[in-house]
Amino acid sequence: MRFYFIRHGESTANLLREFSNSGFKHPLTEKGIEQAYEVARSLSSLQVDQIYSSPVMRAVQTAEIVAESLQASVITTEALREWSVGIYEGTTDPLGWELHSQVQDDWFNRQKFDSKMPGGESFHEIQNRFTPFIDELTQNGKNSNHNIVLVAHGGLYLAMLPVIFKNVNFAFALEQGFLYAACVIAETCPDGLYCTSWCGVSLSI
């Protein structure tokens, strides 16, 4: 069973540097639309069982473009939403971005997983919605050759993929990053989920 974790294309929120992780606004830019079509073309030969998407507009639009190419349906789920920044949602406040970086530093470098922005989500709270969702998909597709596509966000992926992959840690994920409309591929093995390609970088199982 293989998972294809895709980040959304560039959106107007990204250009504005606005926190936009709830609601349904800030569409893809023209560049973001082309990025979505590009990743769709790269997967055009794939037989996909299902596409799951964050409910945020930029992810949904990316997922719909991929779905049209692959002739698959899209299901939105809160499990794939970008992590909450609390009181800074809808703002471009530089202090919010400073706190955002500080919280990520707490998670990735200090193992302070309860750290969060005021009113936002901690690492553990994100994990409590993301990991069970992936576990359920894995269990349902056990001993199959299903292909599942998921469209979500860079922040979510950088925090959560090192948790669910047996062969990726935070240091590697942060070093590689996760560009717009890039794709990480993973496959199931008897002892868990392994990353085979991180945004074009091949990994061994």
N, C-alpha and C. Protein backbone atom coordinates (compact mmCIF):
# COMPACT_ATOMS: atom_id res chain seq x y z
N MET A 1 0.85 -1.19 0.00
CA MET A 1 0.00 0.00 0.00
C MET A 1 0.88 1.24 0.00
N ARG A 2 0.56 2.20 -0.84
CA ARG A 2 1.36 3.41 -0.93
C ARG A 2 0.53 4.66 -0.61
N PHE A 3 1.18 5.59 0.05
CA PHE A 3 0.60 6.89 0.36
C PHE A 3 1.37 7.96 -0.41
N TYR A 4 0.64 8.91 -0.97
CA TYR A 4 1.24 10.04 -1.66
C TYR A 4 0.80 11.31 -0.92
N PHE A 5 1.72 11.89 -0.17
CA PHE A 5 1.44 13.08 0.62
C PHE A 5 1.83 14.31 -0.21
N ILE A 6 0.84 15.09 -0.63
CA ILE A 6 1.07 16.25 -1.49
C ILE A 6 0.79 17.53 -0.71
N ARG A 7 1.67 18.49 -0.85
CA ARG A 7 1.39 19.81 -0.29
C ARG A 7 0.62 20.61 -1.33
N HIS A 8 -0.27 21.48 -0.88
CA HIS A 8 -1.04 22.35 -1.78
C HIS A 8 -0.13 23.28 -2.57
N GLY A 9 -0.65 23.84 -3.64
CA GLY A 9 0.07 24.84 -4.41
C GLY A 9 0.08 26.19 -3.71
N GLU A 10 0.84 27.11 -4.27
CA GLU A 10 0.93 28.46 -3.69
C GLU A 10 -0.45 29.13 -3.66
N SER A 11 -0.77 29.80 -2.54
CA SER A 11 -2.05 30.49 -2.41
C SER A 11 -1.84 31.97 -2.12
N THR A 12 -2.92 32.73 -2.19
CA THR A 12 -2.82 34.15 -1.88
C THR A 12 -2.43 34.37 -0.42
N ALA A 13 -2.82 33.47 0.46
CA ALA A 13 -2.42 33.59 1.87
C ALA A 13 -0.91 33.49 2.02
N ASN A 14 -0.30 32.63 1.22
CA ASN A 14 1.16 32.49 1.28
C ASN A 14 1.84 33.78 0.85
N LEU A 15 1.32 34.43 -0.18
CA LEU A 15 1.92 35.68 -0.65
C LEU A 15 1.71 36.80 0.36
N LEU A 16 0.56 36.80 1.02
CA LEU A 16 0.25 37.83 2.01
C LEU A 16 0.91 37.57 3.36
N ARG A 17 1.44 36.38 3.54
CA ARG A 17 1.97 35.94 4.83
C ARG A 17 0.88 36.03 5.91
N GLU A 18 -0.31 35.61 5.51
CA GLU A 18 -1.45 35.61 6.44
C GLU A 18 -1.71 34.20 6.94
N PHE A 19 -1.90 34.08 8.23
CA PHE A 19 -2.31 32.80 8.80
C PHE A 19 -3.75 32.52 8.35
N SER A 20 -3.94 31.43 7.63
CA SER A 20 -5.27 31.10 7.10
C SER A 20 -5.46 29.60 7.16
N ASN A 21 -5.67 29.10 8.37
CA ASN A 21 -5.76 27.66 8.59
C ASN A 21 -7.16 27.20 8.97
N SER A 22 -8.11 28.13 8.99
CA SER A 22 -9.51 27.77 9.21
C SER A 22 -10.36 28.58 8.24
N GLY A 23 -11.65 28.29 8.19
CA GLY A 23 -12.49 28.96 7.21
C GLY A 23 -12.20 28.45 5.80
N PHE A 24 -12.70 29.19 4.81
CA PHE A 24 -12.53 28.76 3.42
C PHE A 24 -12.31 29.99 2.55
N LYS A 25 -11.07 30.48 2.57
CA LYS A 25 -10.72 31.67 1.79
C LYS A 25 -9.27 31.53 1.31
N HIS A 26 -8.84 32.48 0.54
CA HIS A 26 -7.49 32.51 -0.03
C HIS A 26 -7.26 31.35 -1.01
N PRO A 27 -7.67 31.54 -2.25
CA PRO A 27 -7.51 30.50 -3.27
C PRO A 27 -6.07 30.39 -3.74
N LEU A 28 -5.83 29.41 -4.58
CA LEU A 28 -4.54 29.26 -5.22
C LEU A 28 -4.27 30.45 -6.13
N THR A 29 -3.01 30.84 -6.23
CA THR A 29 -2.61 31.83 -7.22
C THR A 29 -2.52 31.14 -8.59
N GLU A 30 -2.31 31.91 -9.63
CA GLU A 30 -2.12 31.30 -10.96
C GLU A 30 -0.93 30.34 -10.93
N LYS A 31 0.12 30.75 -10.25
CA LYS A 31 1.28 29.88 -10.12
C LYS A 31 0.92 28.62 -9.35
N GLY A 32 0.12 28.77 -8.28
CA GLY A 32 -0.30 27.62 -7.50
C GLY A 32 -1.15 26.65 -8.29
N ILE A 33 -1.99 27.18 -9.17
CA ILE A 33 -2.81 26.31 -10.02
C ILE A 33 -1.92 25.50 -10.96
N GLU A 34 -0.93 26.16 -11.54
CA GLU A 34 -0.01 25.45 -12.43
C GLU A 34 0.80 24.40 -11.66
N GLN A 35 1.19 24.72 -10.43
CA GLN A 35 1.89 23.75 -9.60
C GLN A 35 1.02 22.52 -9.34
N ALA A 36 -0.27 22.75 -9.09
CA ALA A 36 -1.19 21.64 -8.86
C ALA A 36 -1.33 20.78 -10.11
N TYR A 37 -1.43 21.42 -11.27
CA TYR A 37 -1.51 20.66 -12.52
C TYR A 37 -0.22 19.87 -12.76
N GLU A 38 0.90 20.45 -12.37
CA GLU A 38 2.18 19.77 -12.57
C GLU A 38 2.27 18.50 -11.75
N VAL A 39 1.88 18.57 -10.47
CA VAL A 39 1.94 17.37 -9.65
C VAL A 39 0.89 16.36 -10.13
N ALA A 40 -0.25 16.85 -10.62
CA ALA A 40 -1.26 15.95 -11.17
C ALA A 40 -0.72 15.19 -12.38
N ARG A 41 0.01 15.90 -13.23
CA ARG A 41 0.61 15.25 -14.40
C ARG A 41 1.64 14.20 -13.99
N SER A 42 2.38 14.49 -12.93
CA SER A 42 3.42 13.55 -12.48
C SER A 42 2.82 12.25 -11.95
N LEU A 43 1.55 12.30 -11.56
CA LEU A 43 0.87 11.11 -11.02
C LEU A 43 -0.16 10.55 -11.99
N SER A 44 -0.15 11.01 -13.23
CA SER A 44 -1.23 10.71 -14.17
C SER A 44 -1.41 9.22 -14.45
N SER A 45 -0.38 8.43 -14.29
CA SER A 45 -0.49 6.99 -14.56
C SER A 45 -0.90 6.18 -13.33
N LEU A 46 -1.12 6.87 -12.23
CA LEU A 46 -1.42 6.20 -10.97
C LEU A 46 -2.88 5.78 -10.88
N GLN A 47 -3.11 4.56 -10.45
CA GLN A 47 -4.47 4.10 -10.14
C GLN A 47 -4.73 4.40 -8.67
N VAL A 48 -5.63 5.35 -8.42
CA VAL A 48 -5.84 5.84 -7.06
C VAL A 48 -7.18 5.36 -6.51
N ASP A 49 -7.14 4.89 -5.28
CA ASP A 49 -8.37 4.42 -4.64
C ASP A 49 -9.16 5.58 -4.04
N GLN A 50 -8.44 6.57 -3.46
CA GLN A 50 -9.15 7.69 -2.84
C GLN A 50 -8.19 8.85 -2.65
N ILE A 51 -8.73 10.08 -2.72
CA ILE A 51 -7.97 11.29 -2.41
C ILE A 51 -8.59 11.93 -1.18
N TYR A 52 -7.75 12.23 -0.20
CA TYR A 52 -8.20 12.92 1.01
C TYR A 52 -7.56 14.29 1.05
N SER A 53 -8.31 15.27 1.54
CA SER A 53 -7.80 16.64 1.55
C SER A 53 -8.13 17.35 2.86
N SER A 54 -7.24 18.24 3.24
CA SER A 54 -7.56 19.24 4.25
C SER A 54 -8.77 20.04 3.76
N PRO A 55 -9.62 20.55 4.69
CA PRO A 55 -10.77 21.34 4.26
C PRO A 55 -10.44 22.79 3.93
N VAL A 56 -9.17 23.19 4.04
CA VAL A 56 -8.76 24.56 3.73
C VAL A 56 -8.73 24.75 2.21
N MET A 57 -9.19 25.92 1.74
CA MET A 57 -9.41 26.14 0.30
C MET A 57 -8.21 25.77 -0.57
N ARG A 58 -7.02 26.20 -0.19
CA ARG A 58 -5.85 25.95 -1.04
C ARG A 58 -5.57 24.46 -1.23
N ALA A 59 -5.87 23.68 -0.19
CA ALA A 59 -5.69 22.24 -0.29
C ALA A 59 -6.81 21.61 -1.12
N VAL A 60 -8.04 22.04 -0.89
CA VAL A 60 -9.18 21.50 -1.63
C VAL A 60 -9.02 21.75 -3.13
N GLN A 61 -8.62 22.97 -3.49
CA GLN A 61 -8.44 23.28 -4.91
C GLN A 61 -7.34 22.42 -5.53
N THR A 62 -6.25 22.23 -4.80
CA THR A 62 -5.18 21.37 -5.30
C THR A 62 -5.68 19.95 -5.46
N ALA A 63 -6.40 19.45 -4.46
CA ALA A 63 -6.92 18.08 -4.50
C ALA A 63 -7.88 17.89 -5.67
N GLU A 64 -8.70 18.89 -5.94
CA GLU A 64 -9.68 18.77 -7.04
C GLU A 64 -8.98 18.70 -8.39
N ILE A 65 -7.89 19.44 -8.55
CA ILE A 65 -7.13 19.38 -9.80
C ILE A 65 -6.50 18.01 -9.97
N VAL A 66 -5.93 17.49 -8.89
CA VAL A 66 -5.34 16.15 -8.94
C VAL A 66 -6.43 15.10 -9.20
N ALA A 67 -7.58 15.28 -8.55
CA ALA A 67 -8.67 14.32 -8.69
C ALA A 67 -9.20 14.26 -10.11
N GLU A 68 -9.29 15.42 -10.75
CA GLU A 68 -9.76 15.47 -12.15
C GLU A 68 -8.83 14.67 -13.05
N SER A 69 -7.53 14.81 -12.80
CA SER A 69 -6.54 14.11 -13.61
C SER A 69 -6.58 12.60 -13.38
N LEU A 70 -6.79 12.21 -12.12
CA LEU A 70 -6.74 10.79 -11.76
C LEU A 70 -8.11 10.12 -11.78
N GLN A 71 -9.14 10.91 -12.06
CA GLN A 71 -10.52 10.40 -12.08
C GLN A 71 -10.86 9.72 -10.75
N ALA A 72 -10.60 10.45 -9.68
CA ALA A 72 -10.88 9.96 -8.34
C ALA A 72 -11.70 11.01 -7.59
N SER A 73 -12.32 10.61 -6.51
CA SER A 73 -13.12 11.53 -5.72
C SER A 73 -12.30 12.07 -4.55
N VAL A 74 -12.77 13.21 -4.01
CA VAL A 74 -12.08 13.87 -2.90
C VAL A 74 -12.95 13.84 -1.65
N ILE A 75 -12.36 13.44 -0.54
CA ILE A 75 -13.00 13.50 0.77
C ILE A 75 -12.20 14.46 1.63
N THR A 76 -12.86 15.46 2.21
CA THR A 76 -12.15 16.37 3.11
C THR A 76 -12.21 15.84 4.54
N THR A 77 -11.15 16.10 5.30
CA THR A 77 -11.10 15.63 6.68
C THR A 77 -10.32 16.61 7.55
N GLU A 78 -10.82 16.81 8.77
CA GLU A 78 -10.15 17.69 9.72
C GLU A 78 -8.78 17.15 10.11
N ALA A 79 -8.56 15.87 9.92
CA ALA A 79 -7.28 15.26 10.28
C ALA A 79 -6.12 15.88 9.51
N LEU A 80 -6.42 16.44 8.33
CA LEU A 80 -5.38 16.98 7.46
C LEU A 80 -5.30 18.50 7.48
N ARG A 81 -6.08 19.14 8.32
CA ARG A 81 -6.04 20.60 8.41
C ARG A 81 -4.68 21.07 8.94
N GLU A 82 -4.22 22.24 8.47
CA GLU A 82 -2.99 22.82 8.99
C GLU A 82 -3.17 23.12 10.47
N TRP A 83 -2.07 23.06 11.23
CA TRP A 83 -2.21 23.23 12.69
C TRP A 83 -2.62 24.65 13.07
N SER A 84 -3.44 24.71 14.11
CA SER A 84 -4.06 25.97 14.52
C SER A 84 -3.06 26.91 15.17
N VAL A 85 -3.11 28.18 14.75
CA VAL A 85 -2.27 29.22 15.34
C VAL A 85 -3.06 30.08 16.32
N GLY A 86 -4.27 29.65 16.66
CA GLY A 86 -5.05 30.31 17.70
C GLY A 86 -5.41 31.75 17.39
N ILE A 87 -5.03 32.66 18.28
CA ILE A 87 -5.46 34.06 18.17
C ILE A 87 -4.84 34.77 16.97
N TYR A 88 -3.84 34.16 16.35
CA TYR A 88 -3.20 34.80 15.21
C TYR A 88 -3.83 34.41 13.87
N GLU A 89 -4.84 33.56 13.91
CA GLU A 89 -5.56 33.20 12.69
C GLU A 89 -6.11 34.47 12.01
N GLY A 90 -5.90 34.57 10.70
CA GLY A 90 -6.41 35.71 9.94
C GLY A 90 -5.55 36.95 10.02
N THR A 91 -4.39 36.88 10.67
CA THR A 91 -3.52 38.03 10.80
C THR A 91 -2.22 37.84 10.02
N THR A 92 -1.50 38.93 9.87
CA THR A 92 -0.15 38.90 9.28
C THR A 92 0.86 39.40 10.31
N ASP A 93 0.49 39.38 11.56
CA ASP A 93 1.29 39.94 12.66
C ASP A 93 2.69 39.31 12.71
N PRO A 94 3.74 40.11 12.60
CA PRO A 94 5.11 39.57 12.69
C PRO A 94 5.36 38.81 13.99
N LEU A 95 4.73 39.27 15.08
CA LEU A 95 4.88 38.57 16.35
C LEU A 95 4.33 37.15 16.25
N GLY A 96 3.24 37.00 15.50
CA GLY A 96 2.67 35.67 15.30
C GLY A 96 3.66 34.75 14.60
N TRP A 97 4.34 35.28 13.60
CA TRP A 97 5.32 34.46 12.88
C TRP A 97 6.53 34.14 13.75
N GLU A 98 6.90 35.07 14.64
CA GLU A 98 7.98 34.78 15.58
C GLU A 98 7.58 33.64 16.51
N LEU A 99 6.36 33.70 17.02
CA LEU A 99 5.87 32.65 17.91
C LEU A 99 5.74 31.32 17.16
N HIS A 100 5.31 31.40 15.92
CA HIS A 100 5.19 30.21 15.07
C HIS A 100 6.54 29.50 14.97
N SER A 101 7.58 30.27 14.70
CA SER A 101 8.92 29.70 14.61
C SER A 101 9.38 29.15 15.96
N GLN A 102 9.05 29.87 17.02
CA GLN A 102 9.45 29.43 18.36
C GLN A 102 8.79 28.11 18.73
N VAL A 103 7.50 27.99 18.42
CA VAL A 103 6.78 26.75 18.73
C VAL A 103 7.36 25.58 17.95
N GLN A 104 7.63 25.79 16.68
CA GLN A 104 8.24 24.71 15.89
C GLN A 104 9.62 24.33 16.43
N ASP A 105 10.38 25.33 16.86
CA ASP A 105 11.69 25.05 17.45
C ASP A 105 11.53 24.24 18.73
N ASP A 106 10.52 24.58 19.52
CA ASP A 106 10.24 23.80 20.74
C ASP A 106 9.95 22.35 20.40
N TRP A 107 9.15 22.13 19.37
CA TRP A 107 8.77 20.77 18.99
C TRP A 107 9.96 19.99 18.43
N PHE A 108 10.62 20.59 17.45
CA PHE A 108 11.61 19.85 16.67
C PHE A 108 12.96 19.72 17.37
N ASN A 109 13.33 20.70 18.16
CA ASN A 109 14.67 20.72 18.74
C ASN A 109 14.72 20.55 20.26
N ARG A 110 13.60 20.79 20.92
CA ARG A 110 13.61 20.73 22.39
C ARG A 110 12.66 19.68 22.96
N GLN A 111 11.93 19.00 22.07
CA GLN A 111 10.99 17.98 22.50
C GLN A 111 9.96 18.52 23.51
N LYS A 112 9.64 19.79 23.36
CA LYS A 112 8.60 20.42 24.20
C LYS A 112 7.29 20.36 23.41
N PHE A 113 6.65 19.20 23.46
CA PHE A 113 5.51 18.92 22.58
C PHE A 113 4.20 19.51 23.06
N ASP A 114 4.20 20.13 24.24
CA ASP A 114 2.99 20.81 24.71
C ASP A 114 3.01 22.30 24.35
N SER A 115 4.11 22.76 23.76
CA SER A 115 4.21 24.16 23.36
C SER A 115 3.18 24.48 22.28
N LYS A 116 2.58 25.66 22.36
CA LYS A 116 1.60 26.07 21.35
C LYS A 116 1.46 27.58 21.34
N MET A 117 0.92 28.11 20.27
CA MET A 117 0.59 29.53 20.19
C MET A 117 -0.68 29.78 21.00
N PRO A 118 -0.90 30.99 21.52
CA PRO A 118 -2.08 31.25 22.34
C PRO A 118 -3.37 30.85 21.63
N GLY A 119 -4.09 29.92 22.22
CA GLY A 119 -5.34 29.44 21.64
C GLY A 119 -5.16 28.43 20.52
N GLY A 120 -3.91 28.06 20.22
CA GLY A 120 -3.63 27.14 19.12
C GLY A 120 -3.48 25.70 19.57
N GLU A 121 -2.91 24.89 18.68
CA GLU A 121 -2.74 23.46 18.94
C GLU A 121 -1.31 23.14 19.36
N SER A 122 -1.19 22.19 20.27
CA SER A 122 0.12 21.64 20.61
C SER A 122 0.44 20.49 19.66
N PHE A 123 1.69 20.07 19.69
CA PHE A 123 2.12 18.93 18.87
C PHE A 123 1.27 17.70 19.18
N HIS A 124 1.05 17.46 20.48
CA HIS A 124 0.27 16.28 20.87
C HIS A 124 -1.16 16.36 20.36
N GLU A 125 -1.74 17.55 20.36
CA GLU A 125 -3.12 17.71 19.88
C GLU A 125 -3.21 17.46 18.37
N ILE A 126 -2.21 17.91 17.63
CA ILE A 126 -2.18 17.62 16.20
C ILE A 126 -2.04 16.12 15.98
N GLN A 127 -1.13 15.52 16.71
CA GLN A 127 -0.88 14.08 16.59
C GLN A 127 -2.14 13.27 16.89
N ASN A 128 -2.94 13.74 17.83
CA ASN A 128 -4.15 13.01 18.24
C ASN A 128 -5.23 12.99 17.16
N ARG A 129 -5.14 13.89 16.18
CA ARG A 129 -6.11 13.85 15.07
C ARG A 129 -5.50 13.24 13.80
N PHE A 130 -4.19 13.41 13.65
CA PHE A 130 -3.53 12.96 12.41
C PHE A 130 -3.18 11.47 12.45
N THR A 131 -2.52 11.04 13.49
CA THR A 131 -2.02 9.66 13.54
C THR A 131 -3.12 8.61 13.49
N PRO A 132 -4.22 8.77 14.25
CA PRO A 132 -5.29 7.76 14.15
C PRO A 132 -5.88 7.66 12.75
N PHE A 133 -5.94 8.78 12.05
CA PHE A 133 -6.47 8.78 10.68
C PHE A 133 -5.58 7.95 9.76
N ILE A 134 -4.27 8.16 9.85
CA ILE A 134 -3.33 7.38 9.03
C ILE A 134 -3.36 5.92 9.44
N ASP A 135 -3.44 5.66 10.73
CA ASP A 135 -3.50 4.27 11.22
C ASP A 135 -4.72 3.54 10.68
N GLU A 136 -5.85 4.25 10.63
CA GLU A 136 -7.09 3.64 10.12
C GLU A 136 -6.96 3.33 8.63
N LEU A 137 -6.41 4.27 7.86
CA LEU A 137 -6.21 4.02 6.44
C LEU A 137 -5.28 2.83 6.22
N THR A 138 -4.22 2.78 7.02
CA THR A 138 -3.26 1.68 6.90
C THR A 138 -3.90 0.35 7.23
N GLN A 139 -4.69 0.32 8.29
CA GLN A 139 -5.35 -0.92 8.69
C GLN A 139 -6.37 -1.36 7.65
N ASN A 140 -7.12 -0.40 7.11
CA ASN A 140 -8.15 -0.75 6.12
C ASN A 140 -7.53 -1.26 4.81
N GLY A 141 -6.30 -0.80 4.52
CA GLY A 141 -5.65 -1.23 3.29
C GLY A 141 -4.60 -2.29 3.50
N LYS A 142 -4.63 -2.90 4.67
CA LYS A 142 -3.62 -3.91 5.00
C LYS A 142 -3.60 -5.04 3.97
N ASN A 143 -2.37 -5.41 3.57
CA ASN A 143 -2.17 -6.50 2.60
C ASN A 143 -2.79 -6.19 1.23
N SER A 144 -2.88 -4.88 0.91
CA SER A 144 -3.42 -4.49 -0.40
C SER A 144 -2.34 -3.71 -1.16
N ASN A 145 -2.64 -3.41 -2.41
CA ASN A 145 -1.74 -2.56 -3.19
C ASN A 145 -2.42 -1.23 -3.52
N HIS A 146 -3.28 -0.79 -2.59
CA HIS A 146 -4.00 0.47 -2.79
C HIS A 146 -3.05 1.66 -2.83
N ASN A 147 -3.45 2.69 -3.58
CA ASN A 147 -2.74 3.96 -3.61
C ASN A 147 -3.65 5.04 -3.04
N ILE A 148 -3.19 5.73 -2.01
CA ILE A 148 -3.97 6.78 -1.36
C ILE A 148 -3.23 8.11 -1.53
N VAL A 149 -3.95 9.13 -1.98
CA VAL A 149 -3.38 10.47 -2.13
C VAL A 149 -3.95 11.37 -1.04
N LEU A 150 -3.06 12.11 -0.37
CA LEU A 150 -3.48 13.04 0.66
C LEU A 150 -2.93 14.42 0.33
N VAL A 151 -3.78 15.44 0.43
CA VAL A 151 -3.36 16.81 0.12
C VAL A 151 -3.53 17.66 1.37
N ALA A 152 -2.42 18.23 1.83
CA ALA A 152 -2.47 19.00 3.07
C ALA A 152 -1.40 20.09 3.07
N HIS A 153 -0.73 20.29 4.19
CA HIS A 153 0.05 21.50 4.41
C HIS A 153 1.47 21.20 4.88
N GLY A 154 2.37 22.15 4.57
CA GLY A 154 3.77 21.98 4.91
C GLY A 154 4.02 21.88 6.40
N GLY A 155 3.38 22.73 7.18
CA GLY A 155 3.58 22.69 8.63
C GLY A 155 3.13 21.38 9.23
N LEU A 156 1.97 20.92 8.81
CA LEU A 156 1.45 19.65 9.29
C LEU A 156 2.38 18.50 8.93
N TYR A 157 2.80 18.47 7.68
CA TYR A 157 3.65 17.37 7.22
C TYR A 157 5.01 17.36 7.92
N LEU A 158 5.64 18.52 8.08
CA LEU A 158 6.95 18.56 8.71
C LEU A 158 6.87 18.10 10.17
N ALA A 159 5.74 18.36 10.81
CA ALA A 159 5.57 17.92 12.20
C ALA A 159 5.20 16.45 12.30
N MET A 160 4.33 15.99 11.43
CA MET A 160 3.73 14.66 11.62
C MET A 160 4.39 13.53 10.84
N LEU A 161 4.93 13.79 9.66
CA LEU A 161 5.48 12.68 8.88
C LEU A 161 6.66 12.00 9.58
N PRO A 162 7.55 12.74 10.26
CA PRO A 162 8.61 12.05 11.00
C PRO A 162 8.08 11.16 12.13
N VAL A 163 6.86 11.44 12.57
CA VAL A 163 6.25 10.61 13.62
C VAL A 163 5.78 9.28 13.06
N ILE A 164 5.21 9.31 11.85
CA ILE A 164 4.61 8.08 11.32
C ILE A 164 5.57 7.27 10.45
N PHE A 165 6.67 7.90 10.00
CA PHE A 165 7.64 7.17 9.17
C PHE A 165 8.73 6.54 10.04
N LYS A 166 9.09 5.33 9.72
CA LYS A 166 10.13 4.62 10.46
C LYS A 166 11.53 5.11 10.12
N ASN A 167 11.71 5.71 8.96
CA ASN A 167 13.05 6.03 8.47
C ASN A 167 13.29 7.51 8.23
N VAL A 168 12.47 8.39 8.84
CA VAL A 168 12.64 9.84 8.70
C VAL A 168 12.57 10.48 10.08
N ASN A 169 13.50 11.40 10.36
CA ASN A 169 13.45 12.14 11.61
C ASN A 169 13.23 13.62 11.34
N PHE A 170 13.06 14.42 12.40
CA PHE A 170 12.80 15.84 12.23
C PHE A 170 13.94 16.54 11.49
N ALA A 171 15.17 16.18 11.82
CA ALA A 171 16.32 16.84 11.20
C ALA A 171 16.30 16.68 9.68
N PHE A 172 16.02 15.48 9.21
CA PHE A 172 15.96 15.23 7.77
C PHE A 172 14.81 16.01 7.15
N ALA A 173 13.64 15.96 7.77
CA ALA A 173 12.46 16.64 7.22
C ALA A 173 12.70 18.14 7.11
N LEU A 174 13.28 18.74 8.14
CA LEU A 174 13.53 20.17 8.12
C LEU A 174 14.59 20.54 7.10
N GLU A 175 15.60 19.71 6.97
CA GLU A 175 16.66 19.97 5.99
C GLU A 175 16.13 19.93 4.56
N GLN A 176 15.26 18.96 4.28
CA GLN A 176 14.71 18.81 2.93
C GLN A 176 13.60 19.82 2.65
N GLY A 177 12.82 20.16 3.67
CA GLY A 177 11.70 21.06 3.48
C GLY A 177 10.57 20.38 2.72
N PHE A 178 9.56 21.19 2.36
CA PHE A 178 8.41 20.63 1.64
C PHE A 178 7.83 21.75 0.78
N LEU A 179 8.25 21.83 -0.47
CA LEU A 179 7.85 22.90 -1.36
C LEU A 179 6.38 22.78 -1.78
N TYR A 180 5.84 23.87 -2.33
CA TYR A 180 4.46 23.85 -2.82
C TYR A 180 4.28 22.74 -3.87
N ALA A 181 3.21 21.98 -3.71
CA ALA A 181 2.82 20.91 -4.64
C ALA A 181 3.88 19.82 -4.77
N ALA A 182 4.78 19.73 -3.82
CA ALA A 182 5.73 18.63 -3.80
C ALA A 182 5.04 17.39 -3.24
N CYS A 183 5.69 16.24 -3.42
CA CYS A 183 5.07 14.96 -3.05
C CYS A 183 6.05 14.09 -2.28
N VAL A 184 5.58 13.53 -1.20
CA VAL A 184 6.33 12.53 -0.43
C VAL A 184 5.60 11.20 -0.58
N ILE A 185 6.34 10.16 -0.90
CA ILE A 185 5.75 8.83 -1.12
C ILE A 185 6.18 7.90 0.00
N ALA A 186 5.24 7.11 0.50
CA ALA A 186 5.55 6.14 1.55
C ALA A 186 4.83 4.84 1.25
N GLU A 187 5.36 3.76 1.76
CA GLU A 187 4.68 2.47 1.59
C GLU A 187 4.70 1.68 2.89
N THR A 188 3.71 0.83 3.02
CA THR A 188 3.57 0.04 4.24
C THR A 188 4.47 -1.19 4.17
N CYS A 189 5.05 -1.52 5.32
CA CYS A 189 5.84 -2.74 5.51
C CYS A 189 5.30 -3.43 6.76
N PRO A 190 5.69 -4.66 7.00
CA PRO A 190 5.16 -5.38 8.17
C PRO A 190 5.36 -4.64 9.49
N ASP A 191 6.44 -3.86 9.60
CA ASP A 191 6.70 -3.19 10.87
C ASP A 191 6.35 -1.71 10.86
N GLY A 192 5.68 -1.23 9.82
CA GLY A 192 5.26 0.16 9.82
C GLY A 192 5.35 0.83 8.46
N LEU A 193 5.32 2.15 8.47
CA LEU A 193 5.27 2.96 7.25
C LEU A 193 6.65 3.56 6.98
N TYR A 194 7.15 3.36 5.77
CA TYR A 194 8.47 3.85 5.39
C TYR A 194 8.36 4.83 4.23
N CYS A 195 9.13 5.92 4.31
CA CYS A 195 9.22 6.88 3.22
C CYS A 195 10.16 6.34 2.15
N THR A 196 9.72 6.33 0.90
CA THR A 196 10.57 5.89 -0.20
C THR A 196 11.06 7.06 -1.05
N SER A 197 10.36 8.20 -0.99
CA SER A 197 10.77 9.38 -1.74
C SER A 197 10.27 10.62 -1.02
N TRP A 198 11.20 11.52 -0.68
CA TRP A 198 10.83 12.79 -0.03
C TRP A 198 11.08 13.92 -1.01
N CYS A 199 10.02 14.38 -1.64
CA CYS A 199 10.12 15.49 -2.59
C CYS A 199 11.22 15.26 -3.63
N GLY A 200 11.27 14.03 -4.12
CA GLY A 200 12.23 13.68 -5.16
C GLY A 200 13.51 13.06 -4.67
N VAL A 201 13.74 13.06 -3.37
CA VAL A 201 14.93 12.42 -2.80
C VAL A 201 14.59 10.99 -2.40
N SER A 202 15.24 10.02 -3.02
CA SER A 202 14.94 8.61 -2.76
C SER A 202 15.53 8.17 -1.42
N LEU A 203 14.76 7.37 -0.70
CA LEU A 203 15.20 6.81 0.58
C LEU A 203 15.09 5.29 0.52
N SER A 204 15.96 4.62 1.24
CA SER A 204 15.91 3.16 1.30
C SER A 204 15.07 2.72 2.48
N ILE A 205 14.45 1.56 2.33
CA ILE A 205 13.62 1.00 3.40
C ILE A 205 14.49 0.17 4.33
